[in-house]
Each structure stands twice: as C-alpha cells, then as structure tokens.
PDB file of N, CA and C in Angstrom:
ATOM      1  N   MET A   1      -3.132 -14.416   2.535  1.00  0.00           N
ATOM      2  CA  MET A   1      -4.337 -13.634   2.402  1.00  0.00           C
ATOM      3  C   MET A   1      -4.000 -12.303   1.723  1.00  0.00           C
ATOM      4  N   GLU A   2      -4.769 -11.928   0.721  1.00  0.00           N
ATOM      5  CA  GLU A   2      -4.555 -10.654   0.031  1.00  0.00           C
ATOM      6  C   GLU A   2      -5.651  -9.669   0.398  1.00  0.00           C
ATOM      7  N   LYS A   3      -5.237  -8.444   0.676  1.00  0.00           N
ATOM      8  CA  LYS A   3      -6.177  -7.354   0.920  1.00  0.00           C
ATOM      9  C   LYS A   3      -5.771  -6.196   0.027  1.00  0.00           C
ATOM     10  N   LYS A   4      -6.768  -5.419  -0.386  1.00  0.00           N
ATOM     11  CA  LYS A   4      -6.503  -4.266  -1.236  1.00  0.00           C
ATOM     12  C   LYS A   4      -6.826  -2.988  -0.483  1.00  0.00           C
ATOM     13  N   TYR A   5      -5.919  -2.037  -0.603  1.00  0.00           N
ATOM     14  CA  TYR A   5      -6.041  -0.766   0.102  1.00  0.00           C
ATOM     15  C   TYR A   5      -6.054   0.378  -0.900  1.00  0.00           C
ATOM     16  N   LYS A   6      -6.881   1.386  -0.630  1.00  0.00           N
ATOM     17  CA  LYS A   6      -6.956   2.564  -1.491  1.00  0.00           C
ATOM     18  C   LYS A   6      -5.891   3.563  -1.051  1.00  0.00           C
ATOM     19  N   VAL A   7      -5.143   4.065  -2.046  1.00  0.00           N
ATOM     20  CA  VAL A   7      -4.061   5.002  -1.772  1.00  0.00           C
ATOM     21  C   VAL A   7      -4.297   6.271  -2.591  1.00  0.00           C
ATOM     22  N   GLY A   8      -4.251   7.411  -1.940  1.00  0.00           N
ATOM     23  CA  GLY A   8      -4.434   8.681  -2.630  1.00  0.00           C
ATOM     24  C   GLY A   8      -3.126   9.442  -2.750  1.00  0.00           C
ATOM     25  N   GLY A   9      -3.042  10.266  -3.780  1.00  0.00           N
ATOM     26  CA  GLY A   9      -1.894  11.143  -3.936  1.00  0.00           C
ATOM     27  C   GLY A   9      -0.780  10.626  -4.815  1.00  0.00           C
ATOM     28  N   MET A  10      -0.911   9.420  -5.333  1.00  0.00           N
ATOM     29  CA  MET A  10       0.123   8.887  -6.222  1.00  0.00           C
ATOM     30  C   MET A  10      -0.067   9.482  -7.614  1.00  0.00           C
ATOM     31  N   ALA A  11       1.015  10.056  -8.170  1.00  0.00           N
ATOM     32  CA  ALA A  11       0.904  10.726  -9.461  1.00  0.00           C
ATOM     33  C   ALA A  11       1.807  10.112 -10.535  1.00  0.00           C
ATOM     34  N   CYS A  12       2.729   9.242 -10.133  1.00  0.00           N
ATOM     35  CA  CYS A  12       3.668   8.693 -11.115  1.00  0.00           C
ATOM     36  C   CYS A  12       4.160   7.322 -10.680  1.00  0.00           C
ATOM     37  N   GLY A  13       4.917   6.696 -11.545  1.00  0.00           N
ATOM     38  CA  GLY A  13       5.474   5.383 -11.233  1.00  0.00           C
ATOM     39  C   GLY A  13       6.389   5.408 -10.024  1.00  0.00           C
ATOM     40  N   GLY A  14       7.092   6.515  -9.835  1.00  0.00           N
ATOM     41  CA  GLY A  14       7.964   6.645  -8.669  1.00  0.00           C
ATOM     42  C   GLY A  14       7.174   6.649  -7.375  1.00  0.00           C
ATOM     43  N   CYS A  15       6.013   7.283  -7.414  1.00  0.00           N
ATOM     44  CA  CYS A  15       5.128   7.290  -6.237  1.00  0.00           C
ATOM     45  C   CYS A  15       4.699   5.863  -5.893  1.00  0.00           C
ATOM     46  N   ALA A  16       4.259   5.142  -6.903  1.00  0.00           N
ATOM     47  CA  ALA A  16       3.814   3.761  -6.700  1.00  0.00           C
ATOM     48  C   ALA A  16       4.958   2.904  -6.177  1.00  0.00           C
ATOM     49  N   ALA A  17       6.155   3.112  -6.708  1.00  0.00           N
ATOM     50  CA  ALA A  17       7.322   2.343  -6.262  1.00  0.00           C
ATOM     51  C   ALA A  17       7.654   2.652  -4.803  1.00  0.00           C
ATOM     52  N   SER A  18       7.500   3.900  -4.396  1.00  0.00           N
ATOM     53  CA  SER A  18       7.759   4.269  -2.995  1.00  0.00           C
ATOM     54  C   SER A  18       6.795   3.566  -2.051  1.00  0.00           C
ATOM     55  N   VAL A  19       5.519   3.550  -2.421  1.00  0.00           N
ATOM     56  CA  VAL A  19       4.514   2.868  -1.601  1.00  0.00           C
ATOM     57  C   VAL A  19       4.827   1.376  -1.545  1.00  0.00           C
ATOM     58  N   GLU A  20       5.154   0.801  -2.694  1.00  0.00           N
ATOM     59  CA  GLU A  20       5.459  -0.632  -2.754  1.00  0.00           C
ATOM     60  C   GLU A  20       6.647  -0.978  -1.854  1.00  0.00           C
ATOM     61  N   ARG A  21       7.708  -0.187  -1.926  1.00  0.00           N
ATOM     62  CA  ARG A  21       8.895  -0.437  -1.090  1.00  0.00           C
ATOM     63  C   ARG A  21       8.544  -0.372   0.385  1.00  0.00           C
ATOM     64  N   ALA A  22       7.775   0.650   0.778  1.00  0.00           N
ATOM     65  CA  ALA A  22       7.417   0.814   2.190  1.00  0.00           C
ATOM     66  C   ALA A  22       6.591  -0.366   2.695  1.00  0.00           C
ATOM     67  N   LEU A  23       5.643  -0.820   1.876  1.00  0.00           N
ATOM     68  CA  LEU A  23       4.792  -1.936   2.298  1.00  0.00           C
ATOM     69  C   LEU A  23       5.560  -3.248   2.354  1.00  0.00           C
ATOM     70  N   LYS A  24       6.503  -3.448   1.430  1.00  0.00           N
ATOM     71  CA  LYS A  24       7.298  -4.686   1.424  1.00  0.00           C
ATOM     72  C   LYS A  24       8.177  -4.802   2.663  1.00  0.00           C
ATOM     73  N   MET A  25       8.487  -3.681   3.303  1.00  0.00           N
ATOM     74  CA  MET A  25       9.341  -3.701   4.495  1.00  0.00           C
ATOM     75  C   MET A  25       8.583  -4.109   5.755  1.00  0.00           C
ATOM     76  N   LEU A  26       7.265  -4.121   5.710  1.00  0.00           N
ATOM     77  CA  LEU A  26       6.481  -4.482   6.891  1.00  0.00           C
ATOM     78  C   LEU A  26       6.624  -5.963   7.214  1.00  0.00           C
ATOM     79  N   PRO A  27       6.792  -6.296   8.496  1.00  0.00           N
ATOM     80  CA  PRO A  27       6.856  -7.705   8.892  1.00  0.00           C
ATOM     81  C   PRO A  27       5.551  -8.429   8.536  1.00  0.00           C
ATOM     82  N   GLY A  28       5.678  -9.614   7.973  1.00  0.00           N
ATOM     83  CA  GLY A  28       4.516 -10.418   7.624  1.00  0.00           C
ATOM     84  C   GLY A  28       4.057 -10.259   6.192  1.00  0.00           C
ATOM     85  N   VAL A  29       4.584  -9.254   5.484  1.00  0.00           N
ATOM     86  CA  VAL A  29       4.191  -9.038   4.088  1.00  0.00           C
ATOM     87  C   VAL A  29       4.971  -9.991   3.193  1.00  0.00           C
ATOM     88  N   VAL A  30       4.252 -10.705   2.333  1.00  0.00           N
ATOM     89  CA  VAL A  30       4.856 -11.653   1.395  1.00  0.00           C
ATOM     90  C   VAL A  30       5.027 -11.016   0.026  1.00  0.00           C
ATOM     91  N   ALA A  31       4.033 -10.245  -0.427  1.00  0.00           N
ATOM     92  CA  ALA A  31       4.082  -9.617  -1.747  1.00  0.00           C
ATOM     93  C   ALA A  31       3.229  -8.357  -1.753  1.00  0.00           C
ATOM     94  N   VAL A  32       3.612  -7.432  -2.636  1.00  0.00           N
ATOM     95  CA  VAL A  32       2.869  -6.182  -2.800  1.00  0.00           C
ATOM     96  C   VAL A  32       2.796  -5.863  -4.279  1.00  0.00           C
ATOM     97  N   LYS A  33       1.620  -5.426  -4.733  1.00  0.00           N
ATOM     98  CA  LYS A  33       1.466  -4.943  -6.109  1.00  0.00           C
ATOM     99  C   LYS A  33       0.650  -3.665  -6.044  1.00  0.00           C
ATOM    100  N   VAL A  34       1.248  -2.583  -6.548  1.00  0.00           N
ATOM    101  CA  VAL A  34       0.574  -1.287  -6.529  1.00  0.00           C
ATOM    102  C   VAL A  34       0.112  -0.958  -7.943  1.00  0.00           C
ATOM    103  N   ASP A  35      -1.169  -0.655  -8.066  1.00  0.00           N
ATOM    104  CA  ASP A  35      -1.763  -0.251  -9.348  1.00  0.00           C
ATOM    105  C   ASP A  35      -1.947   1.259  -9.304  1.00  0.00           C
ATOM    106  N   LEU A  36      -1.059   1.965  -9.999  1.00  0.00           N
ATOM    107  CA  LEU A  36      -1.071   3.423  -9.978  1.00  0.00           C
ATOM    108  C   LEU A  36      -2.378   3.989 -10.514  1.00  0.00           C
ATOM    109  N   SER A  37      -2.832   3.491 -11.644  1.00  0.00           N
ATOM    110  CA  SER A  37      -4.036   4.054 -12.276  1.00  0.00           C
ATOM    111  C   SER A  37      -5.292   3.851 -11.433  1.00  0.00           C
ATOM    112  N   ALA A  38      -5.374   2.729 -10.720  1.00  0.00           N
ATOM    113  CA  ALA A  38      -6.537   2.464  -9.867  1.00  0.00           C
ATOM    114  C   ALA A  38      -6.366   3.032  -8.459  1.00  0.00           C
ATOM    115  N   GLY A  39      -5.129   3.374  -8.081  1.00  0.00           N
ATOM    116  CA  GLY A  39      -4.878   3.860  -6.729  1.00  0.00           C
ATOM    117  C   GLY A  39      -5.058   2.784  -5.685  1.00  0.00           C
ATOM    118  N   ILE A  40      -4.631   1.562  -6.037  1.00  0.00           N
ATOM    119  CA  ILE A  40      -4.823   0.412  -5.152  1.00  0.00           C
ATOM    120  C   ILE A  40      -3.486  -0.270  -4.861  1.00  0.00           C
ATOM    121  N   ALA A  41      -3.278  -0.631  -3.608  1.00  0.00           N
ATOM    122  CA  ALA A  41      -2.132  -1.438  -3.209  1.00  0.00           C
ATOM    123  C   ALA A  41      -2.666  -2.779  -2.733  1.00  0.00           C
ATOM    124  N   ALA A  42      -2.281  -3.849  -3.425  1.00  0.00           N
ATOM    125  CA  ALA A  42      -2.680  -5.201  -3.033  1.00  0.00           C
ATOM    126  C   ALA A  42      -1.546  -5.802  -2.203  1.00  0.00           C
ATOM    127  N   VAL A  43      -1.862  -6.184  -0.976  1.00  0.00           N
ATOM    128  CA  VAL A  43      -0.862  -6.685  -0.040  1.00  0.00           C
ATOM    129  C   VAL A  43      -1.205  -8.128   0.316  1.00  0.00           C
ATOM    130  N   THR A  44      -0.230  -9.013   0.118  1.00  0.00           N
ATOM    131  CA  THR A  44      -0.399 -10.415   0.470  1.00  0.00           C
ATOM    132  C   THR A  44       0.457 -10.715   1.695  1.00  0.00           C
ATOM    133  N   GLY A  45      -0.153 -11.355   2.686  1.00  0.00           N
ATOM    134  CA  GLY A  45       0.565 -11.728   3.902  1.00  0.00           C
ATOM    135  C   GLY A  45      -0.291 -11.485   5.126  1.00  0.00           C
ATOM    136  N   GLU A  46       0.353 -11.576   6.259  1.00  0.00           N
ATOM    137  CA  GLU A  46      -0.324 -11.365   7.539  1.00  0.00           C
ATOM    138  C   GLU A  46       0.192 -10.062   8.134  1.00  0.00           C
ATOM    139  N   VAL A  47      -0.554  -8.990   7.935  1.00  0.00           N
ATOM    140  CA  VAL A  47      -0.158  -7.675   8.431  1.00  0.00           C
ATOM    141  C   VAL A  47      -1.427  -6.920   8.823  1.00  0.00           C
ATOM    142  N   SER A  48      -1.311  -6.079   9.837  1.00  0.00           N
ATOM    143  CA  SER A  48      -2.503  -5.361  10.302  1.00  0.00           C
ATOM    144  C   SER A  48      -2.822  -4.188   9.382  1.00  0.00           C
ATOM    145  N   ASP A  49      -4.092  -3.866   9.310  1.00  0.00           N
ATOM    146  CA  ASP A  49      -4.529  -2.722   8.511  1.00  0.00           C
ATOM    147  C   ASP A  49      -3.901  -1.432   9.038  1.00  0.00           C
ATOM    148  N   ASP A  50      -3.739  -1.336  10.338  1.00  0.00           N
ATOM    149  CA  ASP A  50      -3.134  -0.144  10.936  1.00  0.00           C
ATOM    150  C   ASP A  50      -1.691   0.026  10.487  1.00  0.00           C
ATOM    151  N   ASP A  51      -0.944  -1.080  10.395  1.00  0.00           N
ATOM    152  CA  ASP A  51       0.449  -1.008   9.949  1.00  0.00           C
ATOM    153  C   ASP A  51       0.524  -0.591   8.484  1.00  0.00           C
ATOM    154  N   VAL A  52      -0.385  -1.103   7.670  1.00  0.00           N
ATOM    155  CA  VAL A  52      -0.422  -0.715   6.259  1.00  0.00           C
ATOM    156  C   VAL A  52      -0.754   0.765   6.139  1.00  0.00           C
ATOM    157  N   ALA A  53      -1.748   1.213   6.874  1.00  0.00           N
ATOM    158  CA  ALA A  53      -2.137   2.627   6.841  1.00  0.00           C
ATOM    159  C   ALA A  53      -0.970   3.521   7.248  1.00  0.00           C
ATOM    160  N   ALA A  54      -0.272   3.148   8.313  1.00  0.00           N
ATOM    161  CA  ALA A  54       0.858   3.945   8.798  1.00  0.00           C
ATOM    162  C   ALA A  54       1.979   3.997   7.766  1.00  0.00           C
ATOM    163  N   ALA A  55       2.263   2.876   7.121  1.00  0.00           N
ATOM    164  CA  ALA A  55       3.333   2.840   6.116  1.00  0.00           C
ATOM    165  C   ALA A  55       2.996   3.744   4.937  1.00  0.00           C
ATOM    166  N   ILE A  56       1.747   3.716   4.506  1.00  0.00           N
ATOM    167  CA  ILE A  56       1.316   4.566   3.384  1.00  0.00           C
ATOM    168  C   ILE A  56       1.416   6.039   3.774  1.00  0.00           C
ATOM    169  N   GLU A  57       0.898   6.379   4.947  1.00  0.00           N
ATOM    170  CA  GLU A  57       0.918   7.769   5.409  1.00  0.00           C
ATOM    171  C   GLU A  57       2.353   8.256   5.636  1.00  0.00           C
ATOM    172  N   ASN A  58       3.209   7.403   6.204  1.00  0.00           N
ATOM    173  CA  ASN A  58       4.595   7.788   6.474  1.00  0.00           C
ATOM    174  C   ASN A  58       5.399   7.981   5.196  1.00  0.00           C
ATOM    175  N   THR A  59       4.920   7.424   4.093  1.00  0.00           N
ATOM    176  CA  THR A  59       5.587   7.591   2.810  1.00  0.00           C
ATOM    177  C   THR A  59       5.135   8.885   2.130  1.00  0.00           C
ATOM    178  N   GLY A  60       4.118   9.537   2.698  1.00  0.00           N
ATOM    179  CA  GLY A  60       3.671  10.820   2.177  1.00  0.00           C
ATOM    180  C   GLY A  60       2.416  10.755   1.326  1.00  0.00           C
ATOM    181  N   PHE A  61       1.730   9.628   1.381  1.00  0.00           N
ATOM    182  CA  PHE A  61       0.506   9.469   0.598  1.00  0.00           C
ATOM    183  C   PHE A  61      -0.684   9.295   1.533  1.00  0.00           C
ATOM    184  N   ASP A  62      -1.868   9.282   0.961  1.00  0.00           N
ATOM    185  CA  ASP A  62      -3.089   9.210   1.760  1.00  0.00           C
ATOM    186  C   ASP A  62      -3.638   7.794   1.790  1.00  0.00           C
ATOM    187  N   PHE A  63      -3.866   7.283   2.995  1.00  0.00           N
ATOM    188  CA  PHE A  63      -4.552   5.998   3.154  1.00  0.00           C
ATOM    189  C   PHE A  63      -6.041   6.292   3.098  1.00  0.00           C
ATOM    190  N   LEU A  64      -6.735   5.745   2.106  1.00  0.00           N
ATOM    191  CA  LEU A  64      -8.149   6.049   1.893  1.00  0.00           C
ATOM    192  C   LEU A  64      -9.081   4.901   2.274  1.00  0.00           C
ATOM    193  N   GLY A  65      -8.536   3.853   2.875  1.00  0.00           N
ATOM    194  CA  GLY A  65      -9.382   2.759   3.335  1.00  0.00           C
ATOM    195  C   GLY A  65      -9.111   1.458   2.632  1.00  0.00           C
ATOM    196  N   ILE A  66      -9.930   0.492   2.971  1.00  0.00           N
ATOM    197  CA  ILE A  66      -9.818  -0.859   2.414  1.00  0.00           C
ATOM    198  C   ILE A  66     -10.762  -0.988   1.230  1.00  0.00           C
ATOM    199  N   GLU A  67     -10.254  -1.523   0.142  1.00  0.00           N
ATOM    200  CA  GLU A  67     -11.064  -1.755  -1.059  1.00  0.00           C
ATOM    201  C   GLU A  67     -11.943  -2.978  -0.819  1.00  0.00           C
ATOM    202  N   ASP A  68     -13.221  -2.861  -1.113  1.00  0.00           N
ATOM    203  CA  ASP A  68     -14.158  -3.997  -0.933  1.00  0.00           C
ATOM    204  C   ASP A  68     -14.028  -5.017  -2.030  1.00  0.00           C
TER     205      ASP A  68
END
C-alpha cells in the first residue's frame, strides 16, 4: 500500500535524501520516493502515519499531513 505525505522545509536534494533515509529505516517500509519540488514523500509498505510523522519531524522537517 502506498501513501503520500506532505513534508515542509526541504530546500535541497540533501534534505530529500535525509527524509528518504529516515523513512526507509522504519519497520514495515518497502520503498520510499521523495519528490523535493512537490514536497511529497511516497511511502510503500505497512507503517503507521504516526511513525512516518515522527521520522519526518525527528529528521528536522515539518510533517504537514497526508496527501489526498
């Protein structure tokens, strides 16, 4: 299952890579693709929204919610 999350505060490719690395470390995550220009992290796997939010926030970026 893929879900898309809005991420704020990313300004460069390094920022996107940091978010991607943090999300890939979560248990249950199969794949992650971060779109810097759209500010979206697409996460595939079985992981809770709370865990995704915490990983984004702990990396120093803003969790802005779930993309519809």
